[in-house]
Amino acid sequence: MAKAKKINTRQLTLIGVITAVTCILGPLSLPIGIVPISLTNLAIYFAIYALGGKRGTLSYIVYLFIGLVGLPVFSGFSGGFPKLFGPTGGYLIGFIFMAFISGIFIDKFSDKIYMCFLGMVVGTIVTYIFGTTWLAYEAHIAFNKALAVGVLPFIPGDIVKIIIASLIGPQIKKRLISSGLY
């Protein structure tokens, strides 16, 4: 039986720092309708590169709990359970899967930029599915209408965020490795 790796103090500190970065970037948003443009997914991509898949996902889950207890770390400086059960709550849940899926690809194929890019795209698509399904339910609109307001306007910006993460993320990881923090 394989022994589970424990998180050491340095890794725990780095998880806290990356969670704090997400808490800073997450609230920055541009309201364009029911679903705002947010930097949360970019912060998650960076977290995966900086921490690896499992710890990056853990960092997002910590961020999610921070927001759920009411601290204003979600888009538009909001927080609390109403945000999770509101129209954009599906995206907040979907980000867990995005972090996990992107993390698998980035951990396994860190030397292949196109595979890391693909992993972030697949993770984002899963987030879109969760978010759109919940948005349609919560806003009482058809799925295709939810797709039109909750996904289509975001695709170009999300592609840009994935490109930025694909270019900067490996540099972050390389610096953390060289400093002994990874």
C-alpha atoms as a PDB file:
ATOM      1  CA  MET A   1       0.000   0.000   0.000  1.00  0.00           C
ATOM      2  CA  ALA A   2       1.410   3.381  -1.014  1.00  0.00           C
ATOM      3  CA  LYS A   3       1.944   5.864   1.760  1.00  0.00           C
ATOM      4  CA  ALA A   4       0.153   9.212   1.324  1.00  0.00           C
ATOM      5  CA  LYS A   5       2.453  12.210   0.973  1.00  0.00           C
ATOM      6  CA  LYS A   6       2.037  14.708   3.769  1.00  0.00           C
ATOM      7  CA  ILE A   7       1.985  18.425   3.109  1.00  0.00           C
ATOM      8  CA  ASN A   8       4.964  20.082   4.774  1.00  0.00           C
ATOM      9  CA  THR A   9       5.002  23.573   6.295  1.00  0.00           C
ATOM     10  CA  ARG A  10       6.577  25.143   3.195  1.00  0.00           C
ATOM     11  CA  GLN A  11       3.916  23.636   0.916  1.00  0.00           C
ATOM     12  CA  LEU A  12       1.138  24.652   3.307  1.00  0.00           C
ATOM     13  CA  THR A  13       2.485  28.206   3.318  1.00  0.00           C
ATOM     14  CA  LEU A  14       2.622  28.258  -0.475  1.00  0.00           C
ATOM     15  CA  ILE A  15      -0.977  26.974  -0.639  1.00  0.00           C
ATOM     16  CA  GLY A  16      -1.971  29.844   1.673  1.00  0.00           C
ATOM     17  CA  VAL A  17      -0.129  32.411  -0.460  1.00  0.00           C
ATOM     18  CA  ILE A  18      -1.703  31.137  -3.684  1.00  0.00           C
ATOM     19  CA  THR A  19      -5.133  31.072  -2.014  1.00  0.00           C
ATOM     20  CA  ALA A  20      -4.564  34.701  -1.011  1.00  0.00           C
ATOM     21  CA  VAL A  21      -3.685  35.558  -4.630  1.00  0.00           C
ATOM     22  CA  THR A  22      -6.955  33.945  -5.720  1.00  0.00           C
ATOM     23  CA  CYS A  23      -8.776  35.973  -3.044  1.00  0.00           C
ATOM     24  CA  ILE A  24      -7.270  39.116  -4.560  1.00  0.00           C
ATOM     25  CA  LEU A  25      -7.901  38.266  -8.223  1.00  0.00           C
ATOM     26  CA  GLY A  26     -11.294  36.536  -7.783  1.00  0.00           C
ATOM     27  CA  PRO A  27     -13.327  39.623  -6.831  1.00  0.00           C
ATOM     28  CA  LEU A  28     -11.959  41.629  -9.757  1.00  0.00           C
ATOM     29  CA  SER A  29     -14.688  41.324 -12.329  1.00  0.00           C
ATOM     30  CA  LEU A  30     -16.508  43.096 -15.086  1.00  0.00           C
ATOM     31  CA  PRO A  31     -20.291  42.700 -14.915  1.00  0.00           C
ATOM     32  CA  ILE A  32     -21.643  42.081 -18.411  1.00  0.00           C
ATOM     33  CA  GLY A  33     -24.941  40.490 -17.448  1.00  0.00           C
ATOM     34  CA  ILE A  34     -25.923  37.636 -15.178  1.00  0.00           C
ATOM     35  CA  VAL A  35     -22.392  36.181 -15.354  1.00  0.00           C
ATOM     36  CA  PRO A  36     -19.442  38.566 -14.868  1.00  0.00           C
ATOM     37  CA  ILE A  37     -16.021  38.343 -16.465  1.00  0.00           C
ATOM     38  CA  SER A  38     -13.718  37.259 -13.643  1.00  0.00           C
ATOM     39  CA  LEU A  39     -10.025  36.496 -13.143  1.00  0.00           C
ATOM     40  CA  THR A  40     -10.775  33.482 -10.947  1.00  0.00           C
ATOM     41  CA  ASN A  41     -10.023  30.921 -13.636  1.00  0.00           C
ATOM     42  CA  LEU A  42      -6.681  32.592 -14.450  1.00  0.00           C
ATOM     43  CA  ALA A  43      -5.780  32.469 -10.749  1.00  0.00           C
ATOM     44  CA  ILE A  44      -6.666  28.768 -10.694  1.00  0.00           C
ATOM     45  CA  TYR A  45      -4.497  28.032 -13.737  1.00  0.00           C
ATOM     46  CA  PHE A  46      -1.570  29.785 -12.038  1.00  0.00           C
ATOM     47  CA  ALA A  47      -2.299  27.872  -8.817  1.00  0.00           C
ATOM     48  CA  ILE A  48      -2.039  24.563 -10.679  1.00  0.00           C
ATOM     49  CA  TYR A  49       1.326  25.519 -12.157  1.00  0.00           C
ATOM     50  CA  ALA A  50       2.591  26.837  -8.826  1.00  0.00           C
ATOM     51  CA  LEU A  51       1.314  24.022  -6.612  1.00  0.00           C
ATOM     52  CA  GLY A  52       0.617  21.025  -8.812  1.00  0.00           C
ATOM     53  CA  GLY A  53      -2.810  19.540  -9.451  1.00  0.00           C
ATOM     54  CA  LYS A  54      -3.784  18.251  -6.016  1.00  0.00           C
ATOM     55  CA  ARG A  55      -2.509  21.190  -3.984  1.00  0.00           C
ATOM     56  CA  GLY A  56      -3.781  23.673  -6.595  1.00  0.00           C
ATOM     57  CA  THR A  57      -7.247  22.139  -6.345  1.00  0.00           C
ATOM     58  CA  LEU A  58      -6.969  22.260  -2.557  1.00  0.00           C
ATOM     59  CA  SER A  59      -6.051  25.940  -2.790  1.00  0.00           C
ATOM     60  CA  TYR A  60      -9.217  26.635  -4.796  1.00  0.00           C
ATOM     61  CA  ILE A  61     -11.360  24.663  -2.333  1.00  0.00           C
ATOM     62  CA  VAL A  62      -9.922  26.740   0.533  1.00  0.00           C
ATOM     63  CA  TYR A  63     -10.757  29.894  -1.469  1.00  0.00           C
ATOM     64  CA  LEU A  64     -14.296  28.582  -2.022  1.00  0.00           C
ATOM     65  CA  PHE A  65     -14.779  27.999   1.716  1.00  0.00           C
ATOM     66  CA  ILE A  66     -13.408  31.471   2.483  1.00  0.00           C
ATOM     67  CA  GLY A  67     -16.058  32.896   0.188  1.00  0.00           C
ATOM     68  CA  LEU A  68     -18.804  30.676   1.525  1.00  0.00           C
ATOM     69  CA  VAL A  69     -18.285  31.900   5.086  1.00  0.00           C
ATOM     70  CA  GLY A  70     -19.040  35.372   3.800  1.00  0.00           C
ATOM     71  CA  LEU A  71     -15.735  37.041   3.004  1.00  0.00           C
ATOM     72  CA  PRO A  72     -16.087  39.096  -0.198  1.00  0.00           C
ATOM     73  CA  VAL A  73     -13.690  37.091  -2.389  1.00  0.00           C
ATOM     74  CA  PHE A  74     -16.070  36.117  -5.180  1.00  0.00           C
ATOM     75  CA  SER A  75     -16.719  38.199  -8.277  1.00  0.00           C
ATOM     76  CA  GLY A  76     -17.852  41.724  -7.564  1.00  0.00           C
ATOM     77  CA  PHE A  77     -16.533  41.493  -3.984  1.00  0.00           C
ATOM     78  CA  SER A  78     -19.350  39.173  -2.922  1.00  0.00           C
ATOM     79  CA  GLY A  79     -19.430  36.124  -0.688  1.00  0.00           C
ATOM     80  CA  GLY A  80     -21.658  33.789   1.265  1.00  0.00           C
ATOM     81  CA  PHE A  81     -23.964  30.898   0.462  1.00  0.00           C
ATOM     82  CA  PRO A  82     -26.348  33.085  -1.597  1.00  0.00           C
ATOM     83  CA  LYS A  83     -23.577  33.391  -4.193  1.00  0.00           C
ATOM     84  CA  LEU A  84     -23.199  29.606  -4.373  1.00  0.00           C
ATOM     85  CA  PHE A  85     -26.946  29.131  -4.732  1.00  0.00           C
ATOM     86  CA  GLY A  86     -27.311  32.098  -7.094  1.00  0.00           C
ATOM     87  CA  PRO A  87     -27.102  32.020 -10.881  1.00  0.00           C
ATOM     88  CA  THR A  88     -23.295  31.732 -10.989  1.00  0.00           C
ATOM     89  CA  GLY A  89     -22.925  29.047  -8.321  1.00  0.00           C
ATOM     90  CA  GLY A  90     -22.465  26.297 -10.895  1.00  0.00           C
ATOM     91  CA  TYR A  91     -19.330  28.005 -12.153  1.00  0.00           C
ATOM     92  CA  LEU A  92     -17.936  28.149  -8.600  1.00  0.00           C
ATOM     93  CA  ILE A  93     -18.478  24.388  -8.254  1.00  0.00           C
ATOM     94  CA  GLY A  94     -17.259  23.748 -11.798  1.00  0.00           C
ATOM     95  CA  PHE A  95     -13.956  25.436 -10.982  1.00  0.00           C
ATOM     96  CA  ILE A  96     -13.149  22.535  -8.618  1.00  0.00           C
ATOM     97  CA  PHE A  97     -13.301  20.149 -11.573  1.00  0.00           C
ATOM     98  CA  MET A  98     -11.450  22.605 -13.796  1.00  0.00           C
ATOM     99  CA  ALA A  99      -8.605  22.725 -11.276  1.00  0.00           C
ATOM    100  CA  PHE A 100      -8.540  18.942 -10.935  1.00  0.00           C
ATOM    101  CA  ILE A 101      -8.663  18.208 -14.686  1.00  0.00           C
ATOM    102  CA  SER A 102      -6.189  20.950 -15.609  1.00  0.00           C
ATOM    103  CA  GLY A 103      -3.943  19.701 -12.831  1.00  0.00           C
ATOM    104  CA  ILE A 104      -3.874  16.169 -14.218  1.00  0.00           C
ATOM    105  CA  PHE A 105      -2.728  17.452 -17.617  1.00  0.00           C
ATOM    106  CA  ILE A 106      -0.245  20.005 -16.251  1.00  0.00           C
ATOM    107  CA  ASP A 107       1.279  17.497 -13.816  1.00  0.00           C
ATOM    108  CA  LYS A 108       1.552  14.712 -16.393  1.00  0.00           C
ATOM    109  CA  PHE A 109       2.568  16.761 -19.433  1.00  0.00           C
ATOM    110  CA  SER A 110       4.350  19.783 -17.958  1.00  0.00           C
ATOM    111  CA  ASP A 111       6.927  19.737 -20.767  1.00  0.00           C
ATOM    112  CA  LYS A 112       4.273  19.729 -23.523  1.00  0.00           C
ATOM    113  CA  ILE A 113       2.618  23.147 -23.739  1.00  0.00           C
ATOM    114  CA  TYR A 114      -0.096  21.935 -26.132  1.00  0.00           C
ATOM    115  CA  MET A 115      -1.181  19.200 -23.680  1.00  0.00           C
ATOM    116  CA  CYS A 116      -1.275  21.680 -20.783  1.00  0.00           C
ATOM    117  CA  PHE A 117      -3.325  23.999 -23.016  1.00  0.00           C
ATOM    118  CA  LEU A 118      -5.659  21.106 -23.857  1.00  0.00           C
ATOM    119  CA  GLY A 119      -6.070  20.240 -20.177  1.00  0.00           C
ATOM    120  CA  MET A 120      -7.063  23.801 -19.336  1.00  0.00           C
ATOM    121  CA  VAL A 121      -9.529  23.829 -22.251  1.00  0.00           C
ATOM    122  CA  VAL A 122     -11.104  20.534 -21.152  1.00  0.00           C
ATOM    123  CA  GLY A 123     -11.309  21.764 -17.554  1.00  0.00           C
ATOM    124  CA  THR A 124     -12.910  24.998 -18.712  1.00  0.00           C
ATOM    125  CA  ILE A 125     -15.469  23.097 -20.795  1.00  0.00           C
ATOM    126  CA  VAL A 126     -16.435  21.075 -17.702  1.00  0.00           C
ATOM    127  CA  THR A 127     -16.840  24.351 -15.778  1.00  0.00           C
ATOM    128  CA  TYR A 128     -19.033  25.663 -18.612  1.00  0.00           C
ATOM    129  CA  ILE A 129     -21.224  22.563 -18.362  1.00  0.00           C
ATOM    130  CA  PHE A 130     -21.697  22.888 -14.582  1.00  0.00           C
ATOM    131  CA  GLY A 131     -22.191  26.642 -14.788  1.00  0.00           C
ATOM    132  CA  THR A 132     -24.605  26.589 -17.714  1.00  0.00           C
ATOM    133  CA  THR A 133     -26.711  23.797 -16.242  1.00  0.00           C
ATOM    134  CA  TRP A 134     -27.031  25.607 -12.897  1.00  0.00           C
ATOM    135  CA  LEU A 135     -27.606  28.997 -14.574  1.00  0.00           C
ATOM    136  CA  ALA A 136     -30.449  27.562 -16.673  1.00  0.00           C
ATOM    137  CA  TYR A 137     -32.034  26.009 -13.581  1.00  0.00           C
ATOM    138  CA  GLU A 138     -31.565  28.977 -11.258  1.00  0.00           C
ATOM    139  CA  ALA A 139     -32.536  31.682 -13.765  1.00  0.00           C
ATOM    140  CA  HIS A 140     -35.437  29.614 -15.154  1.00  0.00           C
ATOM    141  CA  ILE A 141     -34.181  29.889 -18.724  1.00  0.00           C
ATOM    142  CA  ALA A 142     -33.577  27.350 -21.467  1.00  0.00           C
ATOM    143  CA  PHE A 143     -30.149  25.694 -21.592  1.00  0.00           C
ATOM    144  CA  ASN A 144     -29.340  27.291 -24.958  1.00  0.00           C
ATOM    145  CA  LYS A 145     -30.188  30.740 -23.542  1.00  0.00           C
ATOM    146  CA  ALA A 146     -27.963  30.054 -20.511  1.00  0.00           C
ATOM    147  CA  LEU A 147     -25.225  28.976 -22.911  1.00  0.00           C
ATOM    148  CA  ALA A 148     -25.652  32.219 -24.864  1.00  0.00           C
ATOM    149  CA  VAL A 149     -25.294  34.432 -21.766  1.00  0.00           C
ATOM    150  CA  GLY A 150     -23.031  32.278 -19.587  1.00  0.00           C
ATOM    151  CA  VAL A 151     -20.512  30.795 -22.022  1.00  0.00           C
ATOM    152  CA  LEU A 152     -20.383  32.246 -25.527  1.00  0.00           C
ATOM    153  CA  PRO A 153     -19.322  35.784 -24.520  1.00  0.00           C
ATOM    154  CA  PHE A 154     -16.547  34.324 -22.340  1.00  0.00           C
ATOM    155  CA  ILE A 155     -14.853  31.976 -24.804  1.00  0.00           C
ATOM    156  CA  PRO A 156     -12.465  34.556 -26.366  1.00  0.00           C
ATOM    157  CA  GLY A 157     -11.361  35.904 -22.972  1.00  0.00           C
ATOM    158  CA  ASP A 158     -10.973  32.427 -21.513  1.00  0.00           C
ATOM    159  CA  ILE A 159      -8.799  31.413 -24.461  1.00  0.00           C
ATOM    160  CA  VAL A 160      -6.628  34.473 -23.809  1.00  0.00           C
ATOM    161  CA  LYS A 161      -6.381  33.512 -20.105  1.00  0.00           C
ATOM    162  CA  ILE A 162      -5.379  29.963 -21.067  1.00  0.00           C
ATOM    163  CA  ILE A 163      -2.710  31.315 -23.439  1.00  0.00           C
ATOM    164  CA  ILE A 164      -1.383  33.618 -20.702  1.00  0.00           C
ATOM    165  CA  ALA A 165      -1.326  30.723 -18.212  1.00  0.00           C
ATOM    166  CA  SER A 166       0.378  28.470 -20.789  1.00  0.00           C
ATOM    167  CA  LEU A 167       3.149  31.029 -21.260  1.00  0.00           C
ATOM    168  CA  ILE A 168       3.613  32.340 -17.712  1.00  0.00           C
ATOM    169  CA  GLY A 169       2.667  29.220 -15.713  1.00  0.00           C
ATOM    170  CA  PRO A 170       5.738  27.163 -16.695  1.00  0.00           C
ATOM    171  CA  GLN A 171       7.946  30.109 -15.735  1.00  0.00           C
ATOM    172  CA  ILE A 172       6.294  30.311 -12.316  1.00  0.00           C
ATOM    173  CA  LYS A 173       6.799  26.579 -11.834  1.00  0.00           C
ATOM    174  CA  LYS A 174      10.437  26.759 -12.981  1.00  0.00           C
ATOM    175  CA  ARG A 175      11.210  29.581 -10.517  1.00  0.00           C
ATOM    176  CA  LEU A 176       9.513  27.772  -7.648  1.00  0.00           C
ATOM    177  CA  ILE A 177      11.478  24.612  -8.439  1.00  0.00           C
ATOM    178  CA  SER A 178      14.782  26.489  -8.641  1.00  0.00           C
ATOM    179  CA  SER A 179      14.090  28.150  -5.295  1.00  0.00           C
ATOM    180  CA  GLY A 180      13.203  24.834  -3.659  1.00  0.00           C
ATOM    181  CA  LEU A 181       9.572  25.767  -3.066  1.00  0.00           C
ATOM    182  CA  TYR A 182       7.952  23.254  -5.439  1.00  0.00           C
END
